[in-house]
Amino acid sequence: MDLVEKFDAKGKTGAPYHVEVYETRLTDADVNAPAGSRTYKLADGRSLDPLSDAKFKIVQTGEKIYRL
């Protein structure tokens, strides 16, 4: 899994979050292989469910956060 993107997000309370996006290549041996699935996580390791390009839900708490 490769880190492909980082961005900041905020919850409704204004709490800041740092989001990391990881991507799994379809073929690990070929760096030019097409991308596979994406995994979204907070910098502290908690998992995110993407709801749209700008909205995510923290799996453990159910809190919705929004990309800045």
N, C-alpha and C. Protein backbone atom coordinates (compact mmCIF):
# COMPACT_ATOMS: atom_id res chain seq x y z
N MET A 1 0.84 -1.17 0.00
CA MET A 1 0.00 0.00 0.00
C MET A 1 0.89 1.24 0.00
N ASP A 2 0.59 2.17 -0.88
CA ASP A 2 1.38 3.39 -1.00
C ASP A 2 0.56 4.59 -0.55
N LEU A 3 1.19 5.49 0.18
CA LEU A 3 0.55 6.75 0.54
C LEU A 3 0.53 7.62 -0.71
N VAL A 4 -0.68 8.02 -1.16
CA VAL A 4 -0.79 8.78 -2.40
C VAL A 4 -1.31 10.19 -2.21
N GLU A 5 -1.86 10.49 -1.02
CA GLU A 5 -2.41 11.83 -0.81
C GLU A 5 -2.58 12.08 0.68
N LYS A 6 -2.46 13.35 1.06
CA LYS A 6 -2.74 13.80 2.43
C LYS A 6 -3.56 15.07 2.32
N PHE A 7 -4.52 15.24 3.23
CA PHE A 7 -5.27 16.49 3.26
C PHE A 7 -5.85 16.70 4.65
N ASP A 8 -6.26 17.93 4.91
CA ASP A 8 -6.85 18.29 6.19
C ASP A 8 -8.37 18.24 6.09
N ALA A 9 -8.99 17.95 7.21
CA ALA A 9 -10.45 17.90 7.30
C ALA A 9 -10.87 18.45 8.66
N LYS A 10 -12.15 18.79 8.77
CA LYS A 10 -12.70 19.26 10.05
C LYS A 10 -14.02 18.58 10.31
N GLY A 11 -14.30 18.39 11.61
CA GLY A 11 -15.59 17.87 12.03
C GLY A 11 -16.54 19.03 12.27
N LYS A 12 -17.80 18.74 12.59
CA LYS A 12 -18.79 19.79 12.84
C LYS A 12 -18.43 20.65 14.04
N THR A 13 -17.68 20.10 14.99
CA THR A 13 -17.27 20.86 16.16
C THR A 13 -16.07 21.76 15.87
N GLY A 14 -15.50 21.62 14.68
CA GLY A 14 -14.33 22.40 14.31
C GLY A 14 -13.02 21.69 14.59
N ALA A 15 -13.09 20.48 15.14
CA ALA A 15 -11.88 19.72 15.44
C ALA A 15 -11.14 19.40 14.14
N PRO A 16 -9.82 19.65 14.10
CA PRO A 16 -9.05 19.37 12.89
C PRO A 16 -8.63 17.90 12.82
N TYR A 17 -8.55 17.39 11.61
CA TYR A 17 -8.09 16.02 11.36
C TYR A 17 -7.15 16.03 10.16
N HIS A 18 -6.20 15.10 10.18
CA HIS A 18 -5.29 14.91 9.05
C HIS A 18 -5.62 13.56 8.43
N VAL A 19 -5.97 13.59 7.15
CA VAL A 19 -6.39 12.38 6.44
C VAL A 19 -5.26 11.92 5.52
N GLU A 20 -5.05 10.61 5.50
CA GLU A 20 -4.07 9.99 4.61
C GLU A 20 -4.80 9.00 3.70
N VAL A 21 -4.43 9.04 2.42
CA VAL A 21 -5.05 8.16 1.43
C VAL A 21 -4.00 7.18 0.93
N TYR A 22 -4.31 5.90 1.07
CA TYR A 22 -3.41 4.84 0.62
C TYR A 22 -4.05 4.13 -0.56
N GLU A 23 -3.18 3.69 -1.49
CA GLU A 23 -3.67 3.00 -2.67
C GLU A 23 -2.90 1.70 -2.85
N THR A 24 -3.63 0.66 -3.20
CA THR A 24 -3.02 -0.63 -3.47
C THR A 24 -2.99 -0.83 -4.98
N ARG A 25 -1.81 -1.10 -5.48
CA ARG A 25 -1.69 -1.36 -6.93
C ARG A 25 -2.19 -2.77 -7.24
N LEU A 26 -2.70 -2.94 -8.44
CA LEU A 26 -3.19 -4.25 -8.84
C LEU A 26 -2.03 -5.25 -8.93
N THR A 27 -0.85 -4.74 -9.31
CA THR A 27 0.35 -5.57 -9.36
C THR A 27 1.45 -4.83 -8.62
N ASP A 28 1.85 -5.33 -7.46
CA ASP A 28 2.87 -4.66 -6.66
C ASP A 28 4.22 -4.55 -7.36
N ALA A 29 4.53 -5.50 -8.22
CA ALA A 29 5.84 -5.51 -8.87
C ALA A 29 5.97 -4.42 -9.93
N ASP A 30 4.87 -3.93 -10.46
CA ASP A 30 4.89 -2.96 -11.55
C ASP A 30 4.38 -1.62 -11.06
N VAL A 31 5.28 -0.65 -10.89
CA VAL A 31 4.86 0.67 -10.41
C VAL A 31 3.99 1.40 -11.43
N ASN A 32 3.99 0.96 -12.67
CA ASN A 32 3.15 1.57 -13.70
C ASN A 32 1.80 0.88 -13.84
N ALA A 33 1.56 -0.12 -13.01
CA ALA A 33 0.28 -0.84 -13.05
C ALA A 33 -0.85 0.10 -12.63
N PRO A 34 -2.05 -0.14 -13.11
CA PRO A 34 -3.16 0.72 -12.72
C PRO A 34 -3.45 0.61 -11.23
N ALA A 35 -4.01 1.67 -10.69
CA ALA A 35 -4.32 1.70 -9.26
C ALA A 35 -5.43 0.71 -8.93
N GLY A 36 -5.39 0.23 -7.72
CA GLY A 36 -6.44 -0.66 -7.24
C GLY A 36 -7.35 0.09 -6.30
N SER A 37 -7.55 -0.43 -5.11
CA SER A 37 -8.47 0.19 -4.16
C SER A 37 -7.78 1.26 -3.34
N ARG A 38 -8.58 2.20 -2.84
CA ARG A 38 -8.10 3.27 -1.96
C ARG A 38 -8.59 3.03 -0.54
N THR A 39 -7.72 3.33 0.41
CA THR A 39 -8.05 3.23 1.83
C THR A 39 -7.82 4.60 2.44
N TYR A 40 -8.80 5.06 3.23
CA TYR A 40 -8.72 6.37 3.87
C TYR A 40 -8.56 6.16 5.37
N LYS A 41 -7.56 6.86 5.95
CA LYS A 41 -7.31 6.75 7.38
C LYS A 41 -6.95 8.12 7.94
N LEU A 42 -7.21 8.29 9.23
CA LEU A 42 -6.72 9.46 9.91
C LEU A 42 -5.25 9.23 10.23
N ALA A 43 -4.51 10.30 10.46
CA ALA A 43 -3.08 10.18 10.77
C ALA A 43 -2.85 9.33 12.02
N ASP A 44 -3.85 9.27 12.92
CA ASP A 44 -3.71 8.45 14.13
C ASP A 44 -4.06 6.98 13.90
N GLY A 45 -4.40 6.62 12.65
CA GLY A 45 -4.65 5.23 12.31
C GLY A 45 -6.11 4.82 12.24
N ARG A 46 -7.02 5.68 12.70
CA ARG A 46 -8.44 5.32 12.66
C ARG A 46 -8.94 5.28 11.20
N SER A 47 -9.81 4.34 10.91
CA SER A 47 -10.33 4.14 9.56
C SER A 47 -11.45 5.13 9.23
N LEU A 48 -11.52 5.46 7.94
CA LEU A 48 -12.57 6.34 7.44
C LEU A 48 -13.35 5.64 6.35
N ASP A 49 -14.66 5.91 6.31
CA ASP A 49 -15.50 5.49 5.19
C ASP A 49 -15.75 6.72 4.34
N PRO A 50 -15.39 6.70 3.05
CA PRO A 50 -15.69 7.85 2.20
C PRO A 50 -17.18 7.88 1.88
N LEU A 51 -17.80 9.04 2.07
CA LEU A 51 -19.22 9.23 1.74
C LEU A 51 -19.36 9.99 0.43
N SER A 52 -18.36 10.80 0.11
CA SER A 52 -18.26 11.53 -1.15
C SER A 52 -16.80 11.95 -1.28
N ASP A 53 -16.48 12.79 -2.27
CA ASP A 53 -15.11 13.26 -2.42
C ASP A 53 -14.69 14.18 -1.28
N ALA A 54 -15.66 14.77 -0.61
CA ALA A 54 -15.34 15.75 0.43
C ALA A 54 -15.88 15.39 1.81
N LYS A 55 -16.57 14.28 1.94
CA LYS A 55 -17.20 13.92 3.21
C LYS A 55 -16.83 12.49 3.58
N PHE A 56 -16.45 12.32 4.85
CA PHE A 56 -16.00 11.02 5.34
C PHE A 56 -16.60 10.75 6.71
N LYS A 57 -16.70 9.47 7.06
CA LYS A 57 -17.19 9.09 8.39
C LYS A 57 -16.10 8.33 9.10
N ILE A 58 -15.80 8.74 10.35
CA ILE A 58 -14.84 8.01 11.17
C ILE A 58 -15.54 6.73 11.64
N VAL A 59 -15.00 5.58 11.25
CA VAL A 59 -15.65 4.29 11.51
C VAL A 59 -15.90 4.07 13.00
N GLN A 60 -14.91 4.35 13.83
CA GLN A 60 -15.01 4.04 15.25
C GLN A 60 -16.03 4.90 16.00
N THR A 61 -16.25 6.14 15.55
CA THR A 61 -17.13 7.05 16.28
C THR A 61 -18.40 7.43 15.54
N GLY A 62 -18.40 7.25 14.22
CA GLY A 62 -19.56 7.66 13.42
C GLY A 62 -19.56 9.14 13.08
N GLU A 63 -18.58 9.89 13.58
CA GLU A 63 -18.51 11.34 13.30
C GLU A 63 -18.22 11.57 11.83
N LYS A 64 -18.91 12.55 11.25
CA LYS A 64 -18.67 12.93 9.87
C LYS A 64 -17.68 14.10 9.84
N ILE A 65 -16.71 14.00 8.94
CA ILE A 65 -15.73 15.07 8.77
C ILE A 65 -15.73 15.51 7.32
N TYR A 66 -15.24 16.73 7.10
CA TYR A 66 -15.33 17.35 5.79
C TYR A 66 -13.96 17.85 5.35
N ARG A 67 -13.63 17.54 4.09
CA ARG A 67 -12.35 17.97 3.52
C ARG A 67 -12.31 19.49 3.42
N LEU A 68 -11.14 20.05 3.72
CA LEU A 68 -10.97 21.51 3.60
C LEU A 68 -10.45 21.88 2.24
